[in-house]
Amino acid sequence: MGDTLRDRIGGNGRIKQILGSPLVAQRHYDELFIRVLCRHPTKEESGALRNLVGEAVKDQSVYEDIFWSLLNSTEFTFNH
C-alpha cells in the first residue's frame, strides 16, 4: 500500500478509533470485518488473524494491512 492510501486508511480514521477503544483484539477484527464485508469473521478467519497479529495487538499498521486486505478481497469486490 502506498503512502497516499496509508495516510487515508490510517490517519485519524476508524482504525485509530478502534485501537483507542478498550476492546480486545477479537473485537477489533469484528469491527474491521463488519465495516468492510458487513459480517463477522468466521472462526477460521479469526484464528488466522490471531496468528497473523500475534503479539502486535496494538500495532496500528497491522490493522491497516488487514483493512487493506479486506478491501482487496474478492468478497468485497463482488459485494460492492
Protein backbone atom coordinates (compact mmCIF):
# COMPACT_ATOMS: atom_id res chain seq x y z
CA MET A 1 0.00 0.00 0.00
CA GLY A 2 1.38 3.39 -0.93
CA ASP A 3 1.81 6.42 1.31
CA THR A 4 -1.31 8.13 -0.03
CA LEU A 5 -3.56 5.21 0.82
CA ARG A 6 -1.81 4.54 4.12
CA ASP A 7 -2.50 8.15 5.14
CA ARG A 8 -6.16 7.81 4.21
CA ILE A 9 -6.64 4.45 5.92
CA GLY A 10 -4.52 5.28 8.97
CA GLY A 11 -4.61 8.99 9.72
CA ASN A 12 -7.21 9.84 12.33
CA GLY A 13 -9.66 7.39 10.85
CA ARG A 14 -11.61 4.42 12.05
CA ILE A 15 -8.63 2.16 12.71
CA LYS A 16 -7.19 4.67 15.15
CA GLN A 17 -10.59 4.84 16.88
CA ILE A 18 -10.84 1.05 17.05
CA LEU A 19 -7.38 0.72 18.58
CA GLY A 20 -8.12 3.53 21.02
CA SER A 21 -11.11 1.68 22.41
CA PRO A 22 -10.80 -0.72 25.35
CA LEU A 23 -11.83 -3.68 23.20
CA VAL A 24 -9.94 -6.95 22.99
CA ALA A 25 -8.27 -7.90 19.71
CA GLN A 26 -11.18 -10.12 18.62
CA ARG A 27 -13.49 -7.12 18.72
CA HIS A 28 -11.00 -5.20 16.55
CA TYR A 29 -11.26 -7.95 13.94
CA ASP A 30 -15.04 -7.91 14.17
CA GLU A 31 -15.11 -4.14 13.65
CA LEU A 32 -12.95 -4.36 10.54
CA PHE A 33 -14.95 -7.21 9.02
CA ILE A 34 -18.29 -5.54 9.73
CA ARG A 35 -17.10 -2.24 8.31
CA VAL A 36 -15.72 -3.77 5.09
CA LEU A 37 -17.63 -7.02 4.48
CA CYS A 38 -20.79 -6.40 6.54
CA ARG A 39 -20.29 -9.61 8.51
CA HIS A 40 -18.33 -11.08 11.40
CA PRO A 41 -15.21 -13.13 10.63
CA THR A 42 -15.61 -16.90 10.69
CA LYS A 43 -13.85 -18.93 13.38
CA GLU A 44 -11.20 -19.86 10.83
CA GLU A 45 -10.65 -16.24 9.82
CA SER A 46 -10.45 -15.15 13.47
CA GLY A 47 -7.88 -17.85 14.17
CA ALA A 48 -5.82 -16.83 11.16
CA LEU A 49 -5.93 -13.20 12.27
CA ARG A 50 -4.85 -14.09 15.81
CA ASN A 51 -1.88 -15.98 14.34
CA LEU A 52 -1.07 -13.13 11.98
CA VAL A 53 -1.26 -10.37 14.60
CA GLY A 54 0.48 -12.35 17.34
CA GLU A 55 1.91 -10.01 19.96
CA ALA A 56 1.36 -6.87 17.85
CA VAL A 57 -2.23 -6.37 19.07
CA LYS A 58 -1.77 -2.59 19.45
CA ASP A 59 0.25 -2.02 16.25
CA GLN A 60 -1.87 0.20 14.02
CA SER A 61 -0.02 -0.80 10.86
CA VAL A 62 -1.09 -4.44 11.32
CA TYR A 63 -4.76 -3.43 11.35
CA GLU A 64 -4.24 -1.10 8.40
CA ASP A 65 -2.85 -4.06 6.46
CA ILE A 66 -5.82 -6.23 7.46
CA PHE A 67 -8.21 -3.45 6.42
CA TRP A 68 -6.42 -3.06 3.09
CA SER A 69 -6.51 -6.82 2.52
CA LEU A 70 -10.24 -6.92 3.18
CA LEU A 71 -10.81 -4.06 0.74
CA ASN A 72 -8.91 -6.02 -1.89
CA SER A 73 -10.69 -9.30 -1.22
CA THR A 74 -12.85 -10.99 -3.82
CA GLU A 75 -15.76 -10.90 -1.39
CA PHE A 76 -15.60 -7.10 -1.16
CA THR A 77 -15.29 -6.76 -4.93
CA PHE A 78 -18.38 -8.89 -5.58
CA ASN A 79 -20.50 -7.29 -2.85
CA HIS A 80 -19.67 -3.67 -3.65
